[in-house]
């Protein structure tokens, strides 16, 4: 008779897998991707190294899973804000940009790993997928704003990609390992305010365009 896992066995296996994923996320959040060897993760998860490989064929597979989960949480937040059709598009874009920046600055080591730290190709592929997700989220708000006559006509995909690129690039310095712990919250406030204003200037609200054309 073929072996069949009991519900209890399946639950134990899944719990171990989840503990490994969480240990990997904690390791990256604490010391970056470079520090997260399989041995370090196994020790943190209190499992044998072989147990990690039973759940994940390679380190790249494990960390692709970690990056997917961590990035999805951030993307879900941005998408929720930019999709709120009850509010003007510029307001949604400003709030999403601020939320993205503040959450990154609140967890700089993890954010730097998600955005820029050198990673395995499989993890880099996940990173690019989520960058496109952020682009699409901002593009949706831009399209809504254009349709509602709140924003001037523009290429929403291009503008959204530029917003995502600007956010990531502007945050790299403050998030980098050399800067961790050396940037005061008041400096964060100024950085976030400038980033939000940059995004709003880039899309230029319809009323501003009209006012300038008559000046």
N, C-alpha and C. Protein backbone atom coordinates (compact mmCIF):
# COMPACT_ATOMS: atom_id res chain seq x y z
N UNK A 1 0.85 -1.19 0.00
CA UNK A 1 0.00 0.00 0.00
C UNK A 1 0.88 1.24 0.00
N UNK A 2 0.63 2.22 -0.90
CA UNK A 2 1.47 3.41 -0.94
C UNK A 2 1.30 4.24 0.33
N UNK A 3 2.39 4.90 0.70
CA UNK A 3 2.36 5.72 1.91
C UNK A 3 1.53 6.98 1.66
N UNK A 4 0.67 7.29 2.60
CA UNK A 4 -0.11 8.51 2.53
C UNK A 4 0.14 9.35 3.78
N UNK A 5 0.46 10.60 3.55
CA UNK A 5 0.71 11.48 4.68
C UNK A 5 -0.59 11.73 5.45
N UNK A 6 -0.46 11.75 6.75
CA UNK A 6 -1.61 12.12 7.57
C UNK A 6 -1.72 13.65 7.60
N UNK A 7 -2.87 14.13 8.02
CA UNK A 7 -3.07 15.58 8.13
C UNK A 7 -2.07 16.18 9.09
N UNK A 8 -1.78 15.46 10.16
CA UNK A 8 -0.83 15.95 11.15
C UNK A 8 0.57 16.06 10.55
N UNK A 9 0.94 15.06 9.73
CA UNK A 9 2.26 15.09 9.10
C UNK A 9 2.37 16.24 8.12
N UNK A 10 1.32 16.44 7.32
CA UNK A 10 1.33 17.54 6.36
C UNK A 10 1.43 18.89 7.08
N UNK A 11 0.72 19.02 8.17
CA UNK A 11 0.76 20.26 8.94
C UNK A 11 2.16 20.52 9.49
N UNK A 12 2.82 19.44 9.96
CA UNK A 12 4.16 19.59 10.51
C UNK A 12 5.15 19.99 9.41
N UNK A 13 5.02 19.39 8.24
CA UNK A 13 5.90 19.71 7.11
C UNK A 13 5.70 21.16 6.69
N UNK A 14 4.44 21.59 6.61
CA UNK A 14 4.15 22.97 6.21
C UNK A 14 4.66 23.95 7.25
N UNK A 15 4.53 23.60 8.52
CA UNK A 15 5.01 24.48 9.58
C UNK A 15 6.53 24.65 9.51
N UNK A 16 7.22 23.56 9.21
CA UNK A 16 8.68 23.64 9.06
C UNK A 16 9.05 24.52 7.88
N UNK A 17 8.34 24.35 6.78
CA UNK A 17 8.61 25.16 5.59
C UNK A 17 8.41 26.65 5.89
N UNK A 18 7.32 26.95 6.60
CA UNK A 18 7.04 28.34 6.94
C UNK A 18 8.10 28.89 7.87
N UNK A 19 8.59 28.07 8.78
CA UNK A 19 9.63 28.53 9.71
C UNK A 19 10.92 28.84 8.95
N UNK A 20 11.22 28.05 7.94
CA UNK A 20 12.42 28.29 7.13
C UNK A 20 12.29 29.59 6.35
N UNK A 21 11.13 29.80 5.74
CA UNK A 21 10.91 31.04 4.98
C UNK A 21 11.00 32.25 5.89
N UNK A 22 10.39 32.18 7.05
CA UNK A 22 10.43 33.31 7.98
C UNK A 22 11.84 33.55 8.50
N UNK A 23 12.58 32.48 8.74
CA UNK A 23 13.97 32.63 9.18
C UNK A 23 14.80 33.31 8.10
N UNK A 24 14.58 32.95 6.85
CA UNK A 24 15.31 33.58 5.75
C UNK A 24 14.95 35.05 5.65
N UNK A 25 13.68 35.38 5.80
CA UNK A 25 13.26 36.78 5.74
C UNK A 25 13.90 37.58 6.89
N UNK A 26 13.91 37.00 8.07
CA UNK A 26 14.50 37.69 9.22
C UNK A 26 16.00 37.90 9.03
N UNK A 27 16.67 36.90 8.46
CA UNK A 27 18.10 37.01 8.22
C UNK A 27 18.40 38.14 7.24
N UNK A 28 17.63 38.21 6.17
CA UNK A 28 17.82 39.28 5.19
C UNK A 28 17.51 40.64 5.81
N UNK A 29 16.44 40.73 6.58
CA UNK A 29 16.05 41.99 7.20
C UNK A 29 17.10 42.47 8.20
N UNK A 30 17.79 41.52 8.79
CA UNK A 30 18.79 41.86 9.81
C UNK A 30 20.14 42.21 9.21
N UNK A 31 20.57 41.46 8.20
CA UNK A 31 21.94 41.64 7.71
C UNK A 31 22.08 41.58 6.19
N UNK A 32 20.99 41.54 5.46
CA UNK A 32 21.07 41.58 4.01
C UNK A 32 21.17 40.21 3.36
N UNK A 33 20.99 40.22 2.06
CA UNK A 33 20.98 38.98 1.29
C UNK A 33 22.31 38.24 1.37
N UNK A 34 23.41 38.99 1.33
CA UNK A 34 24.74 38.37 1.33
C UNK A 34 24.99 37.54 2.58
N UNK A 35 24.33 37.89 3.67
CA UNK A 35 24.55 37.17 4.94
C UNK A 35 23.71 35.90 5.02
N UNK A 36 22.76 35.75 4.12
CA UNK A 36 21.75 34.70 4.27
C UNK A 36 22.17 33.41 3.58
N UNK A 37 23.15 32.75 4.14
CA UNK A 37 23.53 31.43 3.64
C UNK A 37 22.49 30.41 4.09
N UNK A 38 22.47 29.28 3.44
CA UNK A 38 21.55 28.22 3.84
C UNK A 38 21.83 27.80 5.28
N UNK A 39 23.11 27.74 5.65
CA UNK A 39 23.47 27.36 7.01
C UNK A 39 22.93 28.37 8.03
N UNK A 40 23.06 29.67 7.71
CA UNK A 40 22.57 30.71 8.62
C UNK A 40 21.05 30.60 8.78
N UNK A 41 20.37 30.34 7.69
CA UNK A 41 18.91 30.22 7.75
C UNK A 41 18.52 28.98 8.55
N UNK A 42 19.21 27.86 8.32
CA UNK A 42 18.90 26.64 9.03
C UNK A 42 19.09 26.82 10.54
N UNK A 43 20.17 27.49 10.91
CA UNK A 43 20.43 27.74 12.33
C UNK A 43 19.33 28.59 12.94
N UNK A 44 18.95 29.63 12.23
CA UNK A 44 17.91 30.53 12.73
C UNK A 44 16.56 29.81 12.85
N UNK A 45 16.29 28.93 11.90
CA UNK A 45 15.03 28.18 11.90
C UNK A 45 15.06 26.96 12.82
N UNK A 46 16.25 26.67 13.36
CA UNK A 46 16.43 25.51 14.24
C UNK A 46 16.13 24.20 13.53
N UNK A 47 16.65 24.10 12.28
CA UNK A 47 16.51 22.86 11.52
C UNK A 47 17.88 22.51 10.94
N UNK A 48 18.02 21.29 10.46
CA UNK A 48 19.26 20.89 9.81
C UNK A 48 19.32 21.49 8.41
N UNK A 49 20.53 21.69 7.89
CA UNK A 49 20.70 22.22 6.54
C UNK A 49 19.97 21.35 5.52
N UNK A 50 20.04 20.04 5.72
CA UNK A 50 19.36 19.13 4.80
C UNK A 50 17.86 19.35 4.77
N UNK A 51 17.30 19.79 5.90
CA UNK A 51 15.87 20.06 5.95
C UNK A 51 15.49 21.23 5.06
N UNK A 52 16.37 22.23 4.99
CA UNK A 52 16.13 23.37 4.10
C UNK A 52 16.04 22.88 2.65
N UNK A 53 16.99 22.01 2.28
CA UNK A 53 17.02 21.53 0.89
C UNK A 53 15.88 20.55 0.59
N UNK A 54 15.32 19.95 1.60
CA UNK A 54 14.15 19.10 1.35
C UNK A 54 12.93 19.93 0.96
N UNK A 55 12.90 21.15 1.44
CA UNK A 55 11.78 22.04 1.13
C UNK A 55 12.06 22.92 -0.09
N UNK A 56 13.32 23.25 -0.31
CA UNK A 56 13.70 24.14 -1.41
C UNK A 56 14.92 23.55 -2.11
N UNK A 57 14.82 23.25 -3.41
CA UNK A 57 15.92 22.60 -4.14
C UNK A 57 17.23 23.38 -4.10
N UNK A 58 17.13 24.71 -3.98
CA UNK A 58 18.34 25.53 -3.98
C UNK A 58 18.12 26.78 -3.14
N UNK A 59 19.22 27.44 -2.83
CA UNK A 59 19.12 28.71 -2.11
C UNK A 59 18.31 29.72 -2.92
N UNK A 60 18.50 29.71 -4.23
CA UNK A 60 17.78 30.65 -5.10
C UNK A 60 16.27 30.44 -5.00
N UNK A 61 15.85 29.19 -4.94
CA UNK A 61 14.42 28.89 -4.81
C UNK A 61 13.87 29.42 -3.49
N UNK A 62 14.63 29.22 -2.43
CA UNK A 62 14.19 29.70 -1.12
C UNK A 62 14.05 31.22 -1.13
N UNK A 63 15.07 31.90 -1.63
CA UNK A 63 15.03 33.35 -1.55
C UNK A 63 14.12 33.98 -2.58
N UNK A 64 13.86 33.30 -3.67
CA UNK A 64 12.83 33.78 -4.59
C UNK A 64 11.48 33.79 -3.87
N UNK A 65 11.23 32.76 -3.07
CA UNK A 65 10.00 32.69 -2.28
C UNK A 65 9.94 33.82 -1.27
N UNK A 66 11.05 34.08 -0.60
CA UNK A 66 11.10 35.15 0.39
C UNK A 66 10.85 36.50 -0.26
N UNK A 67 11.53 36.74 -1.38
CA UNK A 67 11.37 38.01 -2.07
C UNK A 67 9.95 38.18 -2.58
N UNK A 68 9.37 37.10 -3.08
CA UNK A 68 7.99 37.19 -3.59
C UNK A 68 7.04 37.59 -2.48
N UNK A 69 7.16 36.95 -1.33
CA UNK A 69 6.24 37.26 -0.23
C UNK A 69 6.44 38.68 0.29
N UNK A 70 7.70 39.06 0.51
CA UNK A 70 7.97 40.39 1.05
C UNK A 70 7.55 41.48 0.07
N UNK A 71 7.85 41.28 -1.20
CA UNK A 71 7.51 42.28 -2.21
C UNK A 71 6.01 42.35 -2.42
N UNK A 72 5.33 41.21 -2.34
CA UNK A 72 3.89 41.21 -2.57
C UNK A 72 3.17 42.04 -1.52
N UNK A 73 3.63 42.00 -0.29
CA UNK A 73 3.00 42.81 0.76
C UNK A 73 3.09 44.29 0.42
N UNK A 74 4.26 44.72 -0.07
CA UNK A 74 4.43 46.12 -0.42
C UNK A 74 3.61 46.49 -1.65
N UNK A 75 3.62 45.62 -2.64
CA UNK A 75 2.86 45.89 -3.86
C UNK A 75 1.36 45.93 -3.57
N UNK A 76 0.88 45.05 -2.71
CA UNK A 76 -0.54 45.04 -2.37
C UNK A 76 -0.96 46.37 -1.76
N UNK A 77 -0.10 46.94 -0.91
CA UNK A 77 -0.42 48.22 -0.29
C UNK A 77 -0.50 49.32 -1.35
N UNK A 78 0.51 49.39 -2.22
CA UNK A 78 0.52 50.42 -3.26
C UNK A 78 -0.69 50.25 -4.18
N UNK A 79 -0.99 49.02 -4.55
CA UNK A 79 -2.13 48.77 -5.45
C UNK A 79 -3.44 49.17 -4.79
N UNK A 80 -3.58 48.88 -3.51
CA UNK A 80 -4.80 49.25 -2.80
C UNK A 80 -5.00 50.77 -2.81
N UNK A 81 -3.93 51.50 -2.61
CA UNK A 81 -4.03 52.96 -2.58
C UNK A 81 -4.31 53.51 -3.98
N UNK A 82 -3.56 53.05 -4.97
CA UNK A 82 -3.72 53.61 -6.31
C UNK A 82 -5.03 53.20 -6.97
N UNK A 83 -5.66 52.15 -6.47
CA UNK A 83 -6.91 51.67 -7.06
C UNK A 83 -8.16 52.26 -6.42
N UNK A 84 -7.99 53.10 -5.43
CA UNK A 84 -9.13 53.66 -4.71
C UNK A 84 -9.82 54.71 -5.58
N UNK A 85 -10.83 54.28 -6.33
CA UNK A 85 -11.50 55.16 -7.26
C UNK A 85 -12.35 56.24 -6.64
N UNK A 86 -12.47 56.25 -5.31
CA UNK A 86 -13.26 57.30 -4.66
C UNK A 86 -12.46 58.57 -4.45
N UNK A 87 -11.15 58.54 -4.76
CA UNK A 87 -10.29 59.69 -4.49
C UNK A 87 -9.63 60.16 -5.78
N UNK A 88 -9.27 61.45 -5.87
CA UNK A 88 -8.60 61.95 -7.07
C UNK A 88 -7.28 61.22 -7.31
N UNK A 89 -6.95 61.04 -8.57
CA UNK A 89 -5.73 60.30 -8.93
C UNK A 89 -4.46 60.92 -8.34
N UNK A 90 -4.28 62.25 -8.40
CA UNK A 90 -3.04 62.81 -7.82
C UNK A 90 -2.89 62.49 -6.34
N UNK A 91 -4.02 62.50 -5.63
CA UNK A 91 -3.99 62.18 -4.19
C UNK A 91 -3.57 60.73 -3.98
N UNK A 92 -4.08 59.83 -4.79
CA UNK A 92 -3.71 58.41 -4.69
C UNK A 92 -2.23 58.21 -4.97
N UNK A 93 -1.75 58.86 -6.01
CA UNK A 93 -0.34 58.71 -6.40
C UNK A 93 0.57 59.25 -5.31
N UNK A 94 0.21 60.39 -4.75
CA UNK A 94 1.02 60.97 -3.69
C UNK A 94 1.06 60.06 -2.47
N UNK A 95 -0.10 59.51 -2.08
CA UNK A 95 -0.15 58.64 -0.90
C UNK A 95 0.63 57.35 -1.14
N UNK A 96 0.50 56.79 -2.34
CA UNK A 96 1.22 55.55 -2.64
C UNK A 96 2.72 55.77 -2.62
N UNK A 97 3.17 56.88 -3.19
CA UNK A 97 4.60 57.19 -3.20
C UNK A 97 5.12 57.38 -1.77
N UNK A 98 4.34 58.07 -0.96
CA UNK A 98 4.75 58.29 0.43
C UNK A 98 4.80 56.98 1.20
N UNK A 99 3.78 56.15 1.03
CA UNK A 99 3.74 54.87 1.75
C UNK A 99 4.92 53.99 1.35
N UNK A 100 5.20 53.93 0.05
CA UNK A 100 6.32 53.13 -0.44
C UNK A 100 7.63 53.60 0.21
N UNK A 101 7.86 54.92 0.19
CA UNK A 101 9.11 55.46 0.72
C UNK A 101 9.23 55.26 2.23
N UNK A 102 8.17 55.55 2.94
CA UNK A 102 8.24 55.45 4.41
C UNK A 102 8.42 54.00 4.87
N UNK A 103 7.76 53.08 4.23
CA UNK A 103 7.90 51.68 4.62
C UNK A 103 9.31 51.19 4.32
N UNK A 104 9.87 51.63 3.21
CA UNK A 104 11.25 51.25 2.88
C UNK A 104 12.22 51.82 3.92
N UNK A 105 12.06 53.08 4.27
CA UNK A 105 12.96 53.72 5.22
C UNK A 105 12.82 53.14 6.63
N UNK A 106 11.66 52.58 6.92
CA UNK A 106 11.44 51.97 8.24
C UNK A 106 12.12 50.62 8.37
N UNK A 107 12.42 49.97 7.26
CA UNK A 107 13.09 48.66 7.27
C UNK A 107 14.19 48.69 6.20
N UNK A 108 15.23 49.50 6.41
CA UNK A 108 16.19 49.78 5.34
C UNK A 108 16.95 48.57 4.81
N UNK A 109 17.35 47.65 5.68
CA UNK A 109 18.14 46.51 5.22
C UNK A 109 17.32 45.60 4.31
N UNK A 110 16.09 45.32 4.73
CA UNK A 110 15.22 44.49 3.90
C UNK A 110 14.86 45.22 2.61
N UNK A 111 14.55 46.51 2.71
CA UNK A 111 14.18 47.27 1.52
C UNK A 111 15.34 47.33 0.52
N UNK A 112 16.55 47.51 1.02
CA UNK A 112 17.71 47.56 0.12
C UNK A 112 17.89 46.21 -0.58
N UNK A 113 17.69 45.13 0.15
CA UNK A 113 17.79 43.80 -0.46
C UNK A 113 16.72 43.62 -1.53
N UNK A 114 15.52 44.09 -1.26
CA UNK A 114 14.44 43.94 -2.23
C UNK A 114 14.66 44.80 -3.47
N UNK A 115 15.27 45.96 -3.28
CA UNK A 115 15.39 46.91 -4.38
C UNK A 115 16.68 46.81 -5.17
N UNK A 116 17.80 46.55 -4.49
CA UNK A 116 19.07 46.78 -5.19
C UNK A 116 20.21 45.83 -4.88
N UNK A 117 20.19 45.12 -3.77
CA UNK A 117 21.35 44.29 -3.42
C UNK A 117 21.57 43.21 -4.48
N UNK A 118 22.82 42.95 -4.87
CA UNK A 118 23.08 41.87 -5.84
C UNK A 118 22.51 40.54 -5.35
N UNK A 119 21.78 39.87 -6.24
CA UNK A 119 21.09 38.64 -5.87
C UNK A 119 21.25 37.61 -6.98
N UNK A 120 20.80 36.38 -6.71
CA UNK A 120 20.82 35.34 -7.72
C UNK A 120 19.86 35.69 -8.87
N UNK A 121 20.11 35.16 -10.06
CA UNK A 121 19.23 35.47 -11.21
C UNK A 121 17.76 35.18 -10.96
N UNK A 122 17.46 34.09 -10.26
CA UNK A 122 16.06 33.76 -9.99
C UNK A 122 15.40 34.82 -9.12
N UNK A 123 16.15 35.36 -8.19
CA UNK A 123 15.63 36.41 -7.33
C UNK A 123 15.51 37.72 -8.11
N UNK A 124 16.48 37.98 -8.96
CA UNK A 124 16.42 39.18 -9.80
C UNK A 124 15.20 39.16 -10.69
N UNK A 125 14.84 37.98 -11.19
CA UNK A 125 13.64 37.85 -12.02
C UNK A 125 12.40 38.24 -11.23
N UNK A 126 12.33 37.83 -9.97
CA UNK A 126 11.20 38.22 -9.13
C UNK A 126 11.20 39.73 -8.90
N UNK A 127 12.36 40.30 -8.71
CA UNK A 127 12.47 41.75 -8.50
C UNK A 127 11.91 42.51 -9.70
N UNK A 128 12.26 42.08 -10.89
CA UNK A 128 11.79 42.75 -12.10
C UNK A 128 10.28 42.59 -12.26
N UNK A 129 9.76 41.43 -11.90
CA UNK A 129 8.32 41.21 -11.98
C UNK A 129 7.58 42.20 -11.09
N UNK A 130 8.08 42.43 -9.90
CA UNK A 130 7.41 43.36 -9.00
C UNK A 130 7.59 44.81 -9.42
N UNK A 131 8.70 45.14 -10.03
CA UNK A 131 8.85 46.51 -10.55
C UNK A 131 7.77 46.78 -11.59
N UNK A 132 7.48 45.79 -12.42
CA UNK A 132 6.41 45.95 -13.40
C UNK A 132 5.05 46.06 -12.70
N UNK A 133 4.91 45.35 -11.60
CA UNK A 133 3.67 45.45 -10.83
C UNK A 133 3.45 46.85 -10.28
N UNK A 134 4.51 47.45 -9.73
CA UNK A 134 4.42 48.82 -9.24
C UNK A 134 4.09 49.77 -10.39
N UNK A 135 4.75 49.58 -11.52
CA UNK A 135 4.48 50.42 -12.70
C UNK A 135 3.00 50.35 -13.07
N UNK A 136 2.46 49.15 -13.12
CA UNK A 136 1.06 48.98 -13.52
C UNK A 136 0.11 49.61 -12.50
N UNK A 137 0.47 49.55 -11.22
CA UNK A 137 -0.38 50.14 -10.18
C UNK A 137 -0.44 51.65 -10.35
N UNK A 138 0.70 52.29 -10.55
CA UNK A 138 0.71 53.74 -10.75
C UNK A 138 0.06 54.10 -12.09
N UNK A 139 0.25 53.29 -13.10
CA UNK A 139 -0.35 53.56 -14.41
C UNK A 139 -1.87 53.56 -14.33
N UNK A 140 -2.41 52.65 -13.51
CA UNK A 140 -3.87 52.59 -13.34
C UNK A 140 -4.40 53.91 -12.78
N UNK A 141 -3.73 54.45 -11.77
CA UNK A 141 -4.17 55.72 -11.21
C UNK A 141 -4.01 56.85 -12.23
N UNK A 142 -2.94 56.82 -12.99
CA UNK A 142 -2.73 57.84 -14.02
C UNK A 142 -3.84 57.77 -15.08
N UNK A 143 -4.17 56.58 -15.52
CA UNK A 143 -5.24 56.42 -16.51
C UNK A 143 -6.56 56.94 -15.97
N UNK A 144 -6.83 56.65 -14.70
CA UNK A 144 -8.06 57.15 -14.08
C UNK A 144 -8.07 58.67 -14.06
N UNK A 145 -6.92 59.26 -13.72
CA UNK A 145 -6.83 60.72 -13.65
C UNK A 145 -7.00 61.38 -15.00
N UNK A 146 -6.46 60.77 -16.03
CA UNK A 146 -6.62 61.31 -17.39
C UNK A 146 -8.07 61.21 -17.82
N UNK A 147 -8.69 60.06 -17.55
CA UNK A 147 -10.09 59.86 -17.93
C UNK A 147 -11.01 60.83 -17.20
N UNK A 148 -10.67 61.17 -15.97
CA UNK A 148 -11.50 62.08 -15.17
C UNK A 148 -11.14 63.54 -15.41
N UNK A 149 -10.23 63.79 -16.34
CA UNK A 149 -9.80 65.15 -16.67
C UNK A 149 -9.08 65.83 -15.50
N UNK A 150 -8.48 65.01 -14.62
CA UNK A 150 -7.70 65.55 -13.50
C UNK A 150 -6.24 65.77 -13.91
N UNK A 151 -5.78 65.00 -14.88
CA UNK A 151 -4.39 65.05 -15.31
C UNK A 151 -4.31 65.33 -16.81
N UNK A 152 -3.22 65.91 -17.22
CA UNK A 152 -2.98 66.13 -18.65
C UNK A 152 -2.76 64.79 -19.34
N UNK A 153 -2.91 64.79 -20.64
CA UNK A 153 -2.65 63.59 -21.42
C UNK A 153 -1.17 63.23 -21.34
N UNK A 154 -0.87 61.99 -21.08
CA UNK A 154 0.51 61.52 -21.06
C UNK A 154 0.53 60.01 -21.28
N UNK A 155 1.71 59.47 -21.53
CA UNK A 155 1.90 58.03 -21.67
C UNK A 155 1.93 57.45 -20.25
N UNK A 156 0.85 56.86 -19.81
CA UNK A 156 0.75 56.44 -18.42
C UNK A 156 1.76 55.35 -18.06
N UNK A 157 2.03 54.43 -18.97
CA UNK A 157 3.01 53.38 -18.68
C UNK A 157 4.41 53.97 -18.53
N UNK A 158 4.75 54.89 -19.41
CA UNK A 158 6.07 55.52 -19.33
C UNK A 158 6.20 56.36 -18.07
N UNK A 159 5.18 57.17 -17.79
CA UNK A 159 5.22 58.02 -16.60
C UNK A 159 5.27 57.18 -15.33
N UNK A 160 4.50 56.09 -15.30
CA UNK A 160 4.50 55.23 -14.12
C UNK A 160 5.85 54.56 -13.92
N UNK A 161 6.46 54.10 -15.02
CA UNK A 161 7.79 53.49 -14.92
C UNK A 161 8.80 54.51 -14.40
N UNK A 162 8.67 55.77 -14.84
CA UNK A 162 9.58 56.81 -14.38
C UNK A 162 9.39 57.10 -12.89
N UNK A 163 8.14 57.08 -12.43
CA UNK A 163 7.87 57.29 -11.00
C UNK A 163 8.50 56.17 -10.17
N UNK A 164 8.30 54.93 -10.60
CA UNK A 164 8.87 53.80 -9.88
C UNK A 164 10.40 53.88 -9.87
N UNK A 165 10.97 54.22 -11.01
CA UNK A 165 12.43 54.34 -11.09
C UNK A 165 12.95 55.45 -10.20
N UNK A 166 12.25 56.58 -10.18
CA UNK A 166 12.68 57.69 -9.35
C UNK A 166 12.61 57.35 -7.87
N UNK A 167 11.54 56.68 -7.47
CA UNK A 167 11.41 56.29 -6.06
C UNK A 167 12.55 55.36 -5.65
N UNK A 168 12.80 54.35 -6.47
CA UNK A 168 13.85 53.40 -6.13
C UNK A 168 15.22 54.03 -6.10
N UNK A 169 15.51 54.84 -7.11
CA UNK A 169 16.85 55.45 -7.21
C UNK A 169 17.09 56.43 -6.08
N UNK A 170 16.08 57.23 -5.76
CA UNK A 170 16.25 58.23 -4.71
C UNK A 170 16.43 57.60 -3.34
N UNK A 171 15.89 56.41 -3.15
CA UNK A 171 15.98 55.75 -1.85
C UNK A 171 17.25 54.93 -1.67
N UNK A 172 17.96 54.64 -2.76
CA UNK A 172 19.12 53.75 -2.65
C UNK A 172 20.17 54.27 -1.67
N UNK A 173 20.47 55.55 -1.75
CA UNK A 173 21.47 56.11 -0.84
C UNK A 173 21.08 55.96 0.62
N UNK A 174 19.92 56.46 1.02
CA UNK A 174 19.49 56.32 2.42
C UNK A 174 19.33 54.88 2.88
N UNK A 175 19.00 53.96 1.96
CA UNK A 175 18.80 52.56 2.34
C UNK A 175 20.09 51.74 2.35
N UNK A 176 21.12 52.23 1.69
CA UNK A 176 22.34 51.44 1.53
C UNK A 176 22.97 51.12 2.88
N UNK A 177 23.68 50.00 2.97
CA UNK A 177 24.30 49.61 4.25
C UNK A 177 25.17 50.70 4.85
N UNK A 178 25.83 51.50 4.01
CA UNK A 178 26.69 52.56 4.53
C UNK A 178 25.91 53.64 5.24
N UNK A 179 24.63 53.78 4.92
CA UNK A 179 23.81 54.84 5.51
C UNK A 179 22.94 54.37 6.66
N UNK A 180 22.75 53.07 6.81
CA UNK A 180 21.84 52.56 7.84
C UNK A 180 22.21 53.08 9.22
N UNK A 181 21.21 53.64 9.87
CA UNK A 181 21.42 54.13 11.22
C UNK A 181 21.99 55.53 11.28
N UNK A 182 22.29 56.13 10.11
CA UNK A 182 22.90 57.46 10.11
C UNK A 182 21.97 58.52 9.54
N UNK A 183 20.75 58.16 9.23
CA UNK A 183 19.80 59.11 8.66
C UNK A 183 18.66 59.34 9.64
N UNK A 184 18.56 60.58 10.13
CA UNK A 184 17.56 60.88 11.15
C UNK A 184 16.17 60.93 10.55
N UNK A 185 15.15 60.61 11.37
CA UNK A 185 13.77 60.64 10.87
C UNK A 185 13.39 61.98 10.25
N UNK A 186 13.90 63.10 10.78
CA UNK A 186 13.54 64.40 10.21
C UNK A 186 14.08 64.53 8.79
N UNK A 187 15.21 63.88 8.51
CA UNK A 187 15.73 63.87 7.15
C UNK A 187 14.85 62.99 6.27
N UNK A 188 14.32 61.94 6.84
CA UNK A 188 13.39 61.09 6.12
C UNK A 188 12.16 61.90 5.69
N UNK A 189 11.67 62.74 6.59
CA UNK A 189 10.50 63.54 6.28
C UNK A 189 10.76 64.44 5.08
N UNK A 190 11.92 65.06 5.06
CA UNK A 190 12.26 65.94 3.94
C UNK A 190 12.40 65.15 2.65
N UNK A 191 13.04 64.00 2.74
CA UNK A 191 13.23 63.15 1.56
C UNK A 191 11.88 62.71 1.00
N UNK A 192 11.01 62.23 1.88
CA UNK A 192 9.70 61.75 1.43
C UNK A 192 8.89 62.89 0.82
N UNK A 193 8.91 64.05 1.46
CA UNK A 193 8.16 65.19 0.93
C UNK A 193 8.65 65.58 -0.45
N UNK A 194 9.94 65.59 -0.64
CA UNK A 194 10.50 65.94 -1.94
C UNK A 194 10.17 64.90 -3.00
N UNK A 195 10.19 63.63 -2.60
CA UNK A 195 9.84 62.57 -3.55
C UNK A 195 8.38 62.67 -3.99
N UNK A 196 7.51 62.90 -3.03
CA UNK A 196 6.09 63.03 -3.36
C UNK A 196 5.87 64.22 -4.28
N UNK A 197 6.53 65.35 -3.97
CA UNK A 197 6.38 66.54 -4.81
C UNK A 197 6.91 66.29 -6.22
N UNK A 198 8.01 65.55 -6.31
CA UNK A 198 8.57 65.21 -7.61
C UNK A 198 7.56 64.42 -8.43
N UNK A 199 6.93 63.45 -7.81
CA UNK A 199 5.94 62.64 -8.52
C UNK A 199 4.77 63.48 -9.00
N UNK A 200 4.31 64.40 -8.16
CA UNK A 200 3.20 65.25 -8.55
C UNK A 200 3.59 66.21 -9.66
N UNK A 201 4.81 66.74 -9.59
CA UNK A 201 5.28 67.63 -10.66
C UNK A 201 5.38 66.89 -11.99
N UNK A 202 5.75 65.60 -11.90
CA UNK A 202 5.93 64.81 -13.13
C UNK A 202 4.61 64.58 -13.86
N UNK A 203 3.54 64.43 -13.10
CA UNK A 203 2.26 64.14 -13.75
C UNK A 203 1.47 65.42 -14.03
N UNK A 204 1.73 66.46 -13.29
CA UNK A 204 1.15 67.79 -13.48
C UNK A 204 -0.37 67.77 -13.60
N UNK A 205 -1.01 68.21 -12.55
CA UNK A 205 -2.46 68.21 -12.55
C UNK A 205 -3.04 69.13 -13.62
N UNK A 206 -4.22 68.80 -14.10
CA UNK A 206 -4.86 69.51 -15.21
C UNK A 206 -5.02 71.00 -14.91
N UNK A 207 -5.41 71.33 -13.71
CA UNK A 207 -5.63 72.73 -13.35
C UNK A 207 -4.34 73.53 -13.45
N UNK A 208 -3.23 72.87 -13.13
CA UNK A 208 -1.94 73.56 -13.20
C UNK A 208 -1.57 73.83 -14.65
N UNK A 209 -1.87 72.89 -15.52
CA UNK A 209 -1.57 73.08 -16.92
C UNK A 209 -2.36 74.26 -17.47
N UNK A 210 -3.67 74.30 -17.12
CA UNK A 210 -4.51 75.38 -17.61
C UNK A 210 -4.05 76.73 -17.08
N UNK A 211 -3.70 76.78 -15.82
CA UNK A 211 -3.24 78.03 -15.22
C UNK A 211 -1.99 78.52 -15.89
N UNK A 212 -1.07 77.60 -16.20
CA UNK A 212 0.20 78.02 -16.81
C UNK A 212 -0.03 78.52 -18.25
N UNK A 213 -0.97 77.88 -18.97
CA UNK A 213 -1.20 78.24 -20.36
C UNK A 213 -1.81 79.64 -20.49
N UNK A 214 -2.47 80.11 -19.40
CA UNK A 214 -3.12 81.43 -19.44
C UNK A 214 -2.26 82.50 -18.78
N UNK A 215 -1.08 82.08 -18.28
CA UNK A 215 -0.24 83.06 -17.60
C UNK A 215 0.55 83.90 -18.57
